[in-house]
């Protein structure tokens, strides 16, 4: 007689999981500002520090690189250090966001946010 009631319980469970995930996602997003990564190039002669959101926060250049004849090399090292920091920021963000879905019954390969 009340054949479809089992699906209502499943839907309530899914909605509860969605709300929990939304809360955990918001917490994880706020933590991304606190996580810092450092990228480097030239064996550490140029370092770039960024948040896990990819915001560049600091750049450090070894003084020995300040030779006008080496300007292009320094520019390349700066770009490489920033790219390294951005890649590390992406990895840190993915790791942090992966914590949000731990223990949830999501299909394999499903990425968040949608």
PDB file of N, CA and C in Angstrom:
ATOM      1  N   UNK A   1       0.808  -1.189   0.000  1.00  0.00           N
ATOM      2  CA  UNK A   1       0.000   0.000   0.000  1.00  0.00           C
ATOM      3  C   UNK A   1       0.870   1.280   0.000  1.00  0.00           C
ATOM      4  N   UNK A   2       1.880   1.338   0.835  1.00  0.00           N
ATOM      5  CA  UNK A   2       2.776   2.498   0.892  1.00  0.00           C
ATOM      6  C   UNK A   2       4.134   2.103   0.308  1.00  0.00           C
ATOM      7  N   UNK A   3       4.094   1.705  -0.907  1.00  0.00           N
ATOM      8  CA  UNK A   3       5.238   1.095  -1.566  1.00  0.00           C
ATOM      9  C   UNK A   3       6.453   2.027  -1.681  1.00  0.00           C
ATOM     10  N   UNK A   4       6.281   3.306  -1.916  1.00  0.00           N
ATOM     11  CA  UNK A   4       7.388   4.218  -2.186  1.00  0.00           C
ATOM     12  C   UNK A   4       8.046   4.833  -0.961  1.00  0.00           C
ATOM     13  N   UNK A   5       7.669   4.492   0.240  1.00  0.00           N
ATOM     14  CA  UNK A   5       8.217   5.139   1.443  1.00  0.00           C
ATOM     15  C   UNK A   5       9.699   4.845   1.643  1.00  0.00           C
ATOM     16  N   UNK A   6      10.176   3.710   1.173  1.00  0.00           N
ATOM     17  CA  UNK A   6      11.605   3.399   1.310  1.00  0.00           C
ATOM     18  C   UNK A   6      12.465   4.413   0.579  1.00  0.00           C
ATOM     19  N   UNK A   7      11.997   4.905  -0.521  1.00  0.00           N
ATOM     20  CA  UNK A   7      12.741   5.901  -1.289  1.00  0.00           C
ATOM     21  C   UNK A   7      12.792   7.246  -0.581  1.00  0.00           C
ATOM     22  N   UNK A   8      11.782   7.551   0.207  1.00  0.00           N
ATOM     23  CA  UNK A   8      11.776   8.812   0.958  1.00  0.00           C
ATOM     24  C   UNK A   8      12.889   8.790   2.004  1.00  0.00           C
ATOM     25  N   UNK A   9      13.061   7.650   2.663  1.00  0.00           N
ATOM     26  CA  UNK A   9      14.153   7.516   3.635  1.00  0.00           C
ATOM     27  C   UNK A   9      15.508   7.655   2.973  1.00  0.00           C
ATOM     28  N   UNK A  10      15.653   7.070   1.782  1.00  0.00           N
ATOM     29  CA  UNK A  10      16.907   7.197   1.034  1.00  0.00           C
ATOM     30  C   UNK A  10      17.164   8.651   0.653  1.00  0.00           C
ATOM     31  N   UNK A  11      16.113   9.343   0.238  1.00  0.00           N
ATOM     32  CA  UNK A  11      16.238  10.744  -0.153  1.00  0.00           C
ATOM     33  C   UNK A  11      16.636  11.595   1.047  1.00  0.00           C
ATOM     34  N   UNK A  12      16.055  11.316   2.212  1.00  0.00           N
ATOM     35  CA  UNK A  12      16.399  12.061   3.427  1.00  0.00           C
ATOM     36  C   UNK A  12      17.869  11.839   3.768  1.00  0.00           C
ATOM     37  N   UNK A  13      18.342  10.619   3.598  1.00  0.00           N
ATOM     38  CA  UNK A  13      19.741  10.305   3.872  1.00  0.00           C
ATOM     39  C   UNK A  13      20.647  11.061   2.901  1.00  0.00           C
ATOM     40  N   UNK A  14      20.274  11.098   1.638  1.00  0.00           N
ATOM     41  CA  UNK A  14      21.056  11.818   0.627  1.00  0.00           C
ATOM     42  C   UNK A  14      21.084  13.311   0.936  1.00  0.00           C
ATOM     43  N   UNK A  15      19.952  13.874   1.327  1.00  0.00           N
ATOM     44  CA  UNK A  15      19.888  15.302   1.654  1.00  0.00           C
ATOM     45  C   UNK A  15      20.761  15.628   2.864  1.00  0.00           C
ATOM     46  N   UNK A  16      20.732  14.753   3.854  1.00  0.00           N
ATOM     47  CA  UNK A  16      21.560  14.959   5.042  1.00  0.00           C
ATOM     48  C   UNK A  16      23.038  14.921   4.658  1.00  0.00           C
ATOM     49  N   UNK A  17      23.425  13.967   3.813  1.00  0.00           N
ATOM     50  CA  UNK A  17      24.812  13.874   3.350  1.00  0.00           C
ATOM     51  C   UNK A  17      25.201  15.123   2.570  1.00  0.00           C
ATOM     52  N   UNK A  18      24.286  15.622   1.747  1.00  0.00           N
ATOM     53  CA  UNK A  18      24.559  16.821   0.960  1.00  0.00           C
ATOM     54  C   UNK A  18      24.789  18.026   1.866  1.00  0.00           C
ATOM     55  N   UNK A  19      23.992  18.157   2.912  1.00  0.00           N
ATOM     56  CA  UNK A  19      24.155  19.266   3.854  1.00  0.00           C
ATOM     57  C   UNK A  19      25.485  19.155   4.593  1.00  0.00           C
ATOM     58  N   UNK A  20      25.828  17.931   5.017  1.00  0.00           N
ATOM     59  CA  UNK A  20      27.102  17.723   5.696  1.00  0.00           C
ATOM     60  C   UNK A  20      28.257  18.058   4.770  1.00  0.00           C
ATOM     61  N   UNK A  21      28.152  17.627   3.527  1.00  0.00           N
ATOM     62  CA  UNK A  21      29.212  17.892   2.569  1.00  0.00           C
ATOM     63  C   UNK A  21      29.335  19.389   2.308  1.00  0.00           C
ATOM     64  N   UNK A  22      28.228  20.098   2.232  1.00  0.00           N
ATOM     65  CA  UNK A  22      28.264  21.538   2.010  1.00  0.00           C
ATOM     66  C   UNK A  22      28.985  22.241   3.153  1.00  0.00           C
ATOM     67  N   UNK A  23      28.712  21.828   4.379  1.00  0.00           N
ATOM     68  CA  UNK A  23      29.381  22.410   5.541  1.00  0.00           C
ATOM     69  C   UNK A  23      30.874  22.108   5.501  1.00  0.00           C
ATOM     70  N   UNK A  24      31.213  20.854   5.218  1.00  0.00           N
ATOM     71  CA  UNK A  24      32.623  20.462   5.152  1.00  0.00           C
ATOM     72  C   UNK A  24      33.337  21.175   4.012  1.00  0.00           C
ATOM     73  N   UNK A  25      32.645  21.386   2.896  1.00  0.00           N
ATOM     74  CA  UNK A  25      33.229  22.088   1.750  1.00  0.00           C
ATOM     75  C   UNK A  25      33.546  23.533   2.122  1.00  0.00           C
ATOM     76  N   UNK A  26      32.636  24.196   2.809  1.00  0.00           N
ATOM     77  CA  UNK A  26      32.854  25.583   3.230  1.00  0.00           C
ATOM     78  C   UNK A  26      34.041  25.666   4.187  1.00  0.00           C
ATOM     79  N   UNK A  27      34.132  24.704   5.113  1.00  0.00           N
ATOM     80  CA  UNK A  27      35.270  24.675   6.037  1.00  0.00           C
ATOM     81  C   UNK A  27      36.572  24.479   5.280  1.00  0.00           C
ATOM     82  N   UNK A  28      36.580  23.562   4.329  1.00  0.00           N
ATOM     83  CA  UNK A  28      37.784  23.280   3.548  1.00  0.00           C
ATOM     84  C   UNK A  28      38.190  24.508   2.731  1.00  0.00           C
ATOM     85  N   UNK A  29      37.225  25.191   2.134  1.00  0.00           N
ATOM     86  CA  UNK A  29      37.526  26.390   1.351  1.00  0.00           C
ATOM     87  C   UNK A  29      38.193  27.458   2.218  1.00  0.00           C
ATOM     88  N   UNK A  30      37.724  27.617   3.448  1.00  0.00           N
ATOM     89  CA  UNK A  30      38.318  28.631   4.325  1.00  0.00           C
ATOM     90  C   UNK A  30      39.733  28.217   4.747  1.00  0.00           C
ATOM     91  N   UNK A  31      39.986  26.921   4.885  1.00  0.00           N
ATOM     92  CA  UNK A  31      41.329  26.459   5.244  1.00  0.00           C
ATOM     93  C   UNK A  31      42.329  26.665   4.108  1.00  0.00           C
ATOM     94  N   UNK A  32      41.857  26.747   2.867  1.00  0.00           N
ATOM     95  CA  UNK A  32      42.768  26.930   1.733  1.00  0.00           C
ATOM     96  C   UNK A  32      43.546  28.239   1.832  1.00  0.00           C
ATOM     97  N   UNK A  33      42.965  29.246   2.479  1.00  0.00           N
ATOM     98  CA  UNK A  33      43.680  30.515   2.668  1.00  0.00           C
ATOM     99  C   UNK A  33      44.818  30.365   3.665  1.00  0.00           C
ATOM    100  N   UNK A  34      44.686  29.417   4.595  1.00  0.00           N
ATOM    101  CA  UNK A  34      45.690  29.233   5.644  1.00  0.00           C
ATOM    102  C   UNK A  34      46.848  28.340   5.196  1.00  0.00           C
ATOM    103  N   UNK A  35      46.607  27.463   4.230  1.00  0.00           N
ATOM    104  CA  UNK A  35      47.642  26.538   3.766  1.00  0.00           C
ATOM    105  C   UNK A  35      48.580  27.283   2.825  1.00  0.00           C
ATOM    106  N   UNK A  36      49.879  27.191   3.089  1.00  0.00           N
ATOM    107  CA  UNK A  36      50.863  27.831   2.221  1.00  0.00           C
ATOM    108  C   UNK A  36      51.798  26.778   1.641  1.00  0.00           C
ATOM    109  N   UNK A  37      52.172  27.013   0.392  1.00  0.00           N
ATOM    110  CA  UNK A  37      53.125  26.146  -0.292  1.00  0.00           C
ATOM    111  C   UNK A  37      54.245  27.018  -0.832  1.00  0.00           C
ATOM    112  N   UNK A  38      55.400  26.397  -1.057  1.00  0.00           N
ATOM    113  CA  UNK A  38      56.534  27.123  -1.609  1.00  0.00           C
ATOM    114  C   UNK A  38      57.020  26.413  -2.855  1.00  0.00           C
ATOM    115  N   UNK A  39      57.122  27.178  -3.927  1.00  0.00           N
ATOM    116  CA  UNK A  39      57.682  26.662  -5.175  1.00  0.00           C
ATOM    117  C   UNK A  39      59.072  27.249  -5.343  1.00  0.00           C
ATOM    118  N   UNK A  40      59.909  26.528  -6.063  1.00  0.00           N
ATOM    119  CA  UNK A  40      61.261  27.043  -6.247  1.00  0.00           C
ATOM    120  C   UNK A  40      61.799  26.678  -7.617  1.00  0.00           C
ATOM    121  N   UNK A  41      62.845  27.382  -7.996  1.00  0.00           N
ATOM    122  CA  UNK A  41      63.562  27.095  -9.230  1.00  0.00           C
ATOM    123  C   UNK A  41      65.017  27.490  -9.042  1.00  0.00           C
ATOM    124  N   UNK A  42      65.857  27.043  -9.969  1.00  0.00           N
ATOM    125  CA  UNK A  42      67.275  27.392  -9.875  1.00  0.00           C
ATOM    126  C   UNK A  42      67.902  26.884  -8.599  1.00  0.00           C
ATOM    127  N   UNK A  43      67.569  25.657  -8.224  1.00  0.00           N
ATOM    128  CA  UNK A  43      68.111  25.035  -7.003  1.00  0.00           C
ATOM    129  C   UNK A  43      67.854  25.901  -5.775  1.00  0.00           C
ATOM    130  N   UNK A  44      66.673  26.523  -5.737  1.00  0.00           N
ATOM    131  CA  UNK A  44      66.283  27.316  -4.578  1.00  0.00           C
ATOM    132  C   UNK A  44      66.715  28.765  -4.637  1.00  0.00           C
ATOM    133  N   UNK A  45      67.315  29.190  -5.740  1.00  0.00           N
ATOM    134  CA  UNK A  45      67.755  30.582  -5.840  1.00  0.00           C
ATOM    135  C   UNK A  45      66.573  31.532  -5.996  1.00  0.00           C
ATOM    136  N   UNK A  46      65.456  31.009  -6.517  1.00  0.00           N
ATOM    137  CA  UNK A  46      64.222  31.788  -6.609  1.00  0.00           C
ATOM    138  C   UNK A  46      63.127  30.952  -5.955  1.00  0.00           C
ATOM    139  N   UNK A  47      62.440  31.547  -4.986  1.00  0.00           N
ATOM    140  CA  UNK A  47      61.330  30.847  -4.338  1.00  0.00           C
ATOM    141  C   UNK A  47      60.087  31.720  -4.392  1.00  0.00           C
ATOM    142  N   UNK A  48      58.949  31.050  -4.522  1.00  0.00           N
ATOM    143  CA  UNK A  48      57.664  31.737  -4.537  1.00  0.00           C
ATOM    144  C   UNK A  48      56.774  31.059  -3.510  1.00  0.00           C
ATOM    145  N   UNK A  49      56.129  31.850  -2.657  1.00  0.00           N
ATOM    146  CA  UNK A  49      55.215  31.317  -1.650  1.00  0.00           C
ATOM    147  C   UNK A  49      53.796  31.715  -2.036  1.00  0.00           C
ATOM    148  N   UNK A  50      52.872  30.736  -1.957  1.00  0.00           N
ATOM    149  CA  UNK A  50      51.485  30.988  -2.351  1.00  0.00           C
ATOM    150  C   UNK A  50      50.537  30.277  -1.404  1.00  0.00           C
ATOM    151  N   UNK A  51      49.288  30.749  -1.390  1.00  0.00           N
ATOM    152  CA  UNK A  51      48.246  30.049  -0.637  1.00  0.00           C
ATOM    153  C   UNK A  51      47.782  28.864  -1.465  1.00  0.00           C
ATOM    154  N   UNK A  52      47.052  27.948  -0.837  1.00  0.00           N
ATOM    155  CA  UNK A  52      46.526  26.798  -1.573  1.00  0.00           C
ATOM    156  C   UNK A  52      45.470  27.231  -2.592  1.00  0.00           C
ATOM    157  N   UNK A  53      45.011  28.463  -2.496  1.00  0.00           N
ATOM    158  CA  UNK A  53      44.098  29.003  -3.505  1.00  0.00           C
ATOM    159  C   UNK A  53      44.869  29.545  -4.707  1.00  0.00           C
ATOM    160  N   UNK A  54      46.203  29.539  -4.620  1.00  0.00           N
ATOM    161  CA  UNK A  54      47.028  29.988  -5.734  1.00  0.00           C
ATOM    162  C   UNK A  54      47.412  31.453  -5.671  1.00  0.00           C
ATOM    163  N   UNK A  55      47.090  32.138  -4.583  1.00  0.00           N
ATOM    164  CA  UNK A  55      47.434  33.557  -4.429  1.00  0.00           C
ATOM    165  C   UNK A  55      48.915  33.677  -4.095  1.00  0.00           C
ATOM    166  N   UNK A  56      49.677  34.365  -4.939  1.00  0.00           N
ATOM    167  CA  UNK A  56      51.100  34.565  -4.701  1.00  0.00           C
ATOM    168  C   UNK A  56      51.268  35.507  -3.513  1.00  0.00           C
ATOM    169  N   UNK A  57      52.044  35.068  -2.509  1.00  0.00           N
ATOM    170  CA  UNK A  57      52.193  35.872  -1.287  1.00  0.00           C
ATOM    171  C   UNK A  57      53.590  36.451  -1.129  1.00  0.00           C
ATOM    172  N   UNK A  58      54.593  35.759  -1.652  1.00  0.00           N
ATOM    173  CA  UNK A  58      55.958  36.258  -1.497  1.00  0.00           C
ATOM    174  C   UNK A  58      56.833  35.702  -2.608  1.00  0.00           C
ATOM    175  N   UNK A  59      57.854  36.457  -2.933  1.00  0.00           N
ATOM    176  CA  UNK A  59      58.828  36.053  -3.938  1.00  0.00           C
ATOM    177  C   UNK A  59      60.201  36.407  -3.404  1.00  0.00           C
ATOM    178  N   UNK A  60      61.120  35.463  -3.455  1.00  0.00           N
ATOM    179  CA  UNK A  60      62.469  35.690  -2.945  1.00  0.00           C
ATOM    180  C   UNK A  60      63.476  35.342  -4.035  1.00  0.00           C
ATOM    181  N   UNK A  61      64.414  36.263  -4.259  1.00  0.00           N
ATOM    182  CA  UNK A  61      65.433  36.067  -5.283  1.00  0.00           C
ATOM    183  C   UNK A  61      66.806  36.207  -4.635  1.00  0.00           C
ATOM    184  N   UNK A  62      67.634  35.181  -4.836  1.00  0.00           N
ATOM    185  CA  UNK A  62      68.996  35.219  -4.297  1.00  0.00           C
ATOM    186  C   UNK A  62      69.729  36.414  -4.908  1.00  0.00           C
ATOM    187  N   UNK A  63      70.396  37.239  -4.088  1.00  0.00           N
ATOM    188  CA  UNK A  63      71.089  38.432  -4.591  1.00  0.00           C
ATOM    189  C   UNK A  63      72.146  38.143  -5.658  1.00  0.00           C
ATOM    190  N   UNK A  64      72.694  36.945  -5.662  1.00  0.00           N
ATOM    191  CA  UNK A  64      73.730  36.634  -6.659  1.00  0.00           C
ATOM    192  C   UNK A  64      73.171  36.624  -8.085  1.00  0.00           C
ATOM    193  N   UNK A  65      71.869  36.599  -8.226  1.00  0.00           N
ATOM    194  CA  UNK A  65      71.255  36.592  -9.551  1.00  0.00           C
ATOM    195  C   UNK A  65      71.115  37.984 -10.158  1.00  0.00           C
ATOM    196  N   UNK A  66      71.391  39.015  -9.374  1.00  0.00           N
ATOM    197  CA  UNK A  66      71.209  40.372  -9.874  1.00  0.00           C
ATOM    198  C   UNK A  66      72.399  40.832 -10.703  1.00  0.00           C
ATOM    199  N   UNK A  67      72.498  40.254 -11.859  1.00  0.00           N
ATOM    200  CA  UNK A  67      73.516  40.614 -12.833  1.00  0.00           C
ATOM    201  C   UNK A  67      72.754  41.044 -14.076  1.00  0.00           C
ATOM    202  N   UNK A  68      72.938  42.279 -14.525  1.00  0.00           N
ATOM    203  CA  UNK A  68      72.169  42.759 -15.682  1.00  0.00           C
ATOM    204  C   UNK A  68      72.280  41.849 -16.917  1.00  0.00           C
ATOM    205  N   UNK A  69      73.400  41.179 -17.062  1.00  0.00           N
ATOM    206  CA  UNK A  69      73.567  40.295 -18.222  1.00  0.00           C
ATOM    207  C   UNK A  69      72.729  39.022 -18.104  1.00  0.00           C
ATOM    208  N   UNK A  70      72.253  38.725 -16.913  1.00  0.00           N
ATOM    209  CA  UNK A  70      71.492  37.500 -16.658  1.00  0.00           C
ATOM    210  C   UNK A  70      69.999  37.773 -16.470  1.00  0.00           C
ATOM    211  N   UNK A  71      69.547  38.911 -16.933  1.00  0.00           N
ATOM    212  CA  UNK A  71      68.161  39.308 -16.718  1.00  0.00           C
ATOM    213  C   UNK A  71      67.158  38.261 -17.222  1.00  0.00           C
ATOM    214  N   UNK A  72      67.356  37.746 -18.421  1.00  0.00           N
ATOM    215  CA  UNK A  72      66.425  36.762 -18.983  1.00  0.00           C
ATOM    216  C   UNK A  72      66.410  35.470 -18.169  1.00  0.00           C
ATOM    217  N   UNK A  73      67.568  35.078 -17.661  1.00  0.00           N
ATOM    218  CA  UNK A  73      67.650  33.870 -16.835  1.00  0.00           C
ATOM    219  C   UNK A  73      66.837  34.074 -15.559  1.00  0.00           C
ATOM    220  N   UNK A  74      66.991  35.233 -14.935  1.00  0.00           N
ATOM    221  CA  UNK A  74      66.264  35.535 -13.702  1.00  0.00           C
ATOM    222  C   UNK A  74      64.759  35.548 -13.970  1.00  0.00           C
ATOM    223  N   UNK A  75      64.346  36.156 -15.068  1.00  0.00           N
ATOM    224  CA  UNK A  75      62.932  36.190 -15.408  1.00  0.00           C
ATOM    225  C   UNK A  75      62.379  34.779 -15.589  1.00  0.00           C
ATOM    226  N   UNK A  76      63.140  33.916 -16.268  1.00  0.00           N
ATOM    227  CA  UNK A  76      62.716  32.528 -16.466  1.00  0.00           C
ATOM    228  C   UNK A  76      62.618  31.789 -15.130  1.00  0.00           C
ATOM    229  N   UNK A  77      63.571  32.032 -14.240  1.00  0.00           N
ATOM    230  CA  UNK A  77      63.548  31.390 -12.928  1.00  0.00           C
ATOM    231  C   UNK A  77      62.348  31.852 -12.109  1.00  0.00           C
ATOM    232  N   UNK A  78      62.002  33.126 -12.225  1.00  0.00           N
ATOM    233  CA  UNK A  78      60.837  33.649 -11.502  1.00  0.00           C
ATOM    234  C   UNK A  78      59.568  32.966 -12.008  1.00  0.00           C
ATOM    235  N   UNK A  79      59.425  32.901 -13.312  1.00  0.00           N
ATOM    236  CA  UNK A  79      58.239  32.251 -13.883  1.00  0.00           C
ATOM    237  C   UNK A  79      58.177  30.788 -13.448  1.00  0.00           C
ATOM    238  N   UNK A  80      59.316  30.104 -13.474  1.00  0.00           N
ATOM    239  CA  UNK A  80      59.353  28.690 -13.079  1.00  0.00           C
ATOM    240  C   UNK A  80      58.979  28.516 -11.606  1.00  0.00           C
ATOM    241  N   UNK A  81      59.472  29.392 -10.748  1.00  0.00           N
ATOM    242  CA  UNK A  81      59.155  29.293  -9.317  1.00  0.00           C
ATOM    243  C   UNK A  81      57.673  29.546  -9.064  1.00  0.00           C
ATOM    244  N   UNK A  82      57.105  30.525  -9.754  1.00  0.00           N
ATOM    245  CA  UNK A  82      55.681  30.820  -9.585  1.00  0.00           C
ATOM    246  C   UNK A  82      54.839  29.651 -10.083  1.00  0.00           C
ATOM    247  N   UNK A  83      55.196  29.081 -11.226  1.00  0.00           N
ATOM    248  CA  UNK A  83      54.458  27.924 -11.748  1.00  0.00           C
ATOM    249  C   UNK A  83      54.556  26.733 -10.793  1.00  0.00           C
ATOM    250  N   UNK A  84      55.725  26.532 -10.199  1.00  0.00           N
ATOM    251  CA  UNK A  84      55.900  25.448  -9.237  1.00  0.00           C
ATOM    252  C   UNK A  84      55.011  25.675  -8.016  1.00  0.00           C
ATOM    253  N   UNK A  85      54.969  26.917  -7.538  1.00  0.00           N
ATOM    254  CA  UNK A  85      54.116  27.238  -6.388  1.00  0.00           C
ATOM    255  C   UNK A  85      52.641  27.024  -6.737  1.00  0.00           C
ATOM    256  N   UNK A  86      52.240  27.405  -7.940  1.00  0.00           N
ATOM    257  CA  UNK A  86      50.855  27.217  -8.356  1.00  0.00           C
ATOM    258  C   UNK A  86      50.502  25.732  -8.436  1.00  0.00           C
ATOM    259  N   UNK A  87      51.409  24.926  -8.968  1.00  0.00           N
ATOM    260  CA  UNK A  87      51.158  23.481  -9.055  1.00  0.00           C
ATOM    261  C   UNK A  87      51.036  22.872  -7.666  1.00  0.00           C
ATOM    262  N   UNK A  88      51.902  23.305  -6.757  1.00  0.00           N
ATOM    263  CA  UNK A  88      51.835  22.806  -5.377  1.00  0.00           C
ATOM    264  C   UNK A  88      50.554  23.286  -4.693  1.00  0.00           C
ATOM    265  N   UNK A  89      50.128  24.492  -5.016  1.00  0.00           N
ATOM    266  CA  UNK A  89      48.882  25.019  -4.451  1.00  0.00           C
ATOM    267  C   UNK A  89      47.701  24.180  -4.927  1.00  0.00           C
ATOM    268  N   UNK A  90      47.688  23.839  -6.200  1.00  0.00           N
ATOM    269  CA  UNK A  90      46.611  22.995  -6.730  1.00  0.00           C
ATOM    270  C   UNK A  90      46.599  21.638  -6.041  1.00  0.00           C
ATOM    271  N   UNK A  91      47.778  21.053  -5.845  1.00  0.00           N
ATOM    272  CA  UNK A  91      47.861  19.743  -5.188  1.00  0.00           C
ATOM    273  C   UNK A  91      47.368  19.835  -3.742  1.00  0.00           C
ATOM    274  N   UNK A  92      47.764  20.911  -3.036  1.00  0.00           N
ATOM    275  CA  UNK A  92      47.327  21.086  -1.648  1.00  0.00           C
ATOM    276  C   UNK A  92      45.821  21.296  -1.586  1.00  0.00           C
ATOM    277  N   UNK A  93      45.269  22.056  -2.528  1.00  0.00           N
ATOM    278  CA  UNK A  93      43.826  22.290  -2.561  1.00  0.00           C
ATOM    279  C   UNK A  93      43.080  20.989  -2.843  1.00  0.00           C
ATOM    280  N   UNK A  94      43.592  20.195  -3.787  1.00  0.00           N
ATOM    281  CA  UNK A  94      42.943  18.922  -4.107  1.00  0.00           C
ATOM    282  C   UNK A  94      42.962  17.988  -2.904  1.00  0.00           C
ATOM    283  N   UNK A  95      44.081  17.972  -2.196  1.00  0.00           N
ATOM    284  CA  UNK A  95      44.180  17.125  -1.000  1.00  0.00           C
ATOM    285  C   UNK A  95      43.192  17.576   0.067  1.00  0.00           C
ATOM    286  N   UNK A  96      43.117  18.884   0.272  1.00  0.00           N
ATOM    287  CA  UNK A  96      42.213  19.426   1.296  1.00  0.00           C
ATOM    288  C   UNK A  96      40.756  19.162   0.921  1.00  0.00           C
ATOM    289  N   UNK A  97      40.418  19.352  -0.335  1.00  0.00           N
ATOM    290  CA  UNK A  97      39.047  19.130  -0.772  1.00  0.00           C
ATOM    291  C   UNK A  97      38.713  17.635  -0.778  1.00  0.00           C
ATOM    292  N   UNK A  98      39.707  16.784  -0.977  1.00  0.00           N
ATOM    293  CA  UNK A  98      39.488  15.345  -0.918  1.00  0.00           C
ATOM    294  C   UNK A  98      39.052  14.900   0.463  1.00  0.00           C
ATOM    295  N   UNK A  99      39.493  15.621   1.479  1.00  0.00           N
ATOM    296  CA  UNK A  99      39.097  15.300   2.853  1.00  0.00           C
ATOM    297  C   UNK A  99      37.595  15.494   3.051  1.00  0.00           C
ATOM    298  N   UNK A 100      37.012  16.380   2.251  1.00  0.00           N
ATOM    299  CA  UNK A 100      35.582  16.673   2.376  1.00  0.00           C
ATOM    300  C   UNK A 100      34.748  15.435   2.060  1.00  0.00           C
ATOM    301  N   UNK A 101      35.179  14.672   1.084  1.00  0.00           N
ATOM    302  CA  UNK A 101      34.365  13.539   0.623  1.00  0.00           C
ATOM    303  C   UNK A 101      34.759  12.220   1.264  1.00  0.00           C
ATOM    304  N   UNK A 102      35.735  12.223   2.162  1.00  0.00           N
ATOM    305  CA  UNK A 102      36.128  10.982   2.831  1.00  0.00           C
ATOM    306  C   UNK A 102      34.927  10.363   3.529  1.00  0.00           C
ATOM    307  N   UNK A 103      34.753   9.076   3.348  1.00  0.00           N
ATOM    308  CA  UNK A 103      33.681   8.365   4.026  1.00  0.00           C
ATOM    309  C   UNK A 103      32.325   8.498   3.368  1.00  0.00           C
ATOM    310  N   UNK A 104      32.252   9.271   2.296  1.00  0.00           N
ATOM    311  CA  UNK A 104      30.975   9.408   1.608  1.00  0.00           C
ATOM    312  C   UNK A 104      30.912   8.374   0.496  1.00  0.00           C
ATOM    313  N   UNK A 105      29.744   7.967   0.167  1.00  0.00           N
ATOM    314  CA  UNK A 105      29.530   6.935  -0.828  1.00  0.00           C
ATOM    315  C   UNK A 105      29.341   7.558  -2.211  1.00  0.00           C
ATOM    316  N   UNK A 106      30.398   8.227  -2.732  1.00  0.00           N
ATOM    317  CA  UNK A 106      30.297   8.866  -4.036  1.00  0.00           C
ATOM    318  C   UNK A 106      30.815   7.925  -5.112  1.00  0.00           C
ATOM    319  N   UNK A 107      30.294   8.044  -6.314  1.00  0.00           N
ATOM    320  CA  UNK A 107      30.777   7.196  -7.406  1.00  0.00           C
ATOM    321  C   UNK A 107      32.261   7.465  -7.683  1.00  0.00           C
ATOM    322  N   UNK A 108      33.025   6.450  -8.097  1.00  0.00           N
ATOM    323  CA  UNK A 108      34.437   6.640  -8.412  1.00  0.00           C
ATOM    324  C   UNK A 108      34.626   7.690  -9.506  1.00  0.00           C
ATOM    325  N   UNK A 109      35.625   8.530  -9.333  1.00  0.00           N
ATOM    326  CA  UNK A 109      35.935   9.545 -10.324  1.00  0.00           C
ATOM    327  C   UNK A 109      35.111  10.818 -10.230  1.00  0.00           C
ATOM    328  N   UNK A 110      34.176  10.870  -9.332  1.00  0.00           N
ATOM    329  CA  UNK A 110      33.353  12.075  -9.174  1.00  0.00           C
ATOM    330  C   UNK A 110      34.182  13.144  -8.514  1.00  0.00           C
ATOM    331  N   UNK A 111      34.265  14.305  -9.151  1.00  0.00           N
ATOM    332  CA  UNK A 111      35.092  15.394  -8.644  1.00  0.00           C
ATOM    333  C   UNK A 111      34.214  16.493  -8.092  1.00  0.00           C
ATOM    334  N   UNK A 112      34.705  17.131  -7.041  1.00  0.00           N
ATOM    335  CA  UNK A 112      34.005  18.262  -6.443  1.00  0.00           C
ATOM    336  C   UNK A 112      34.907  19.471  -6.491  1.00  0.00           C
ATOM    337  N   UNK A 113      34.390  20.661  -6.509  1.00  0.00           N
ATOM    338  CA  UNK A 113      32.985  20.971  -6.663  1.00  0.00           C
ATOM    339  C   UNK A 113      32.527  20.646  -8.078  1.00  0.00           C
ATOM    340  N   UNK A 114      31.237  20.460  -8.202  1.00  0.00           N
ATOM    341  CA  UNK A 114      30.657  19.971  -9.446  1.00  0.00           C
ATOM    342  C   UNK A 114      30.944  20.886 -10.566  1.00  0.00           C
TER     343      UNK A 114
END
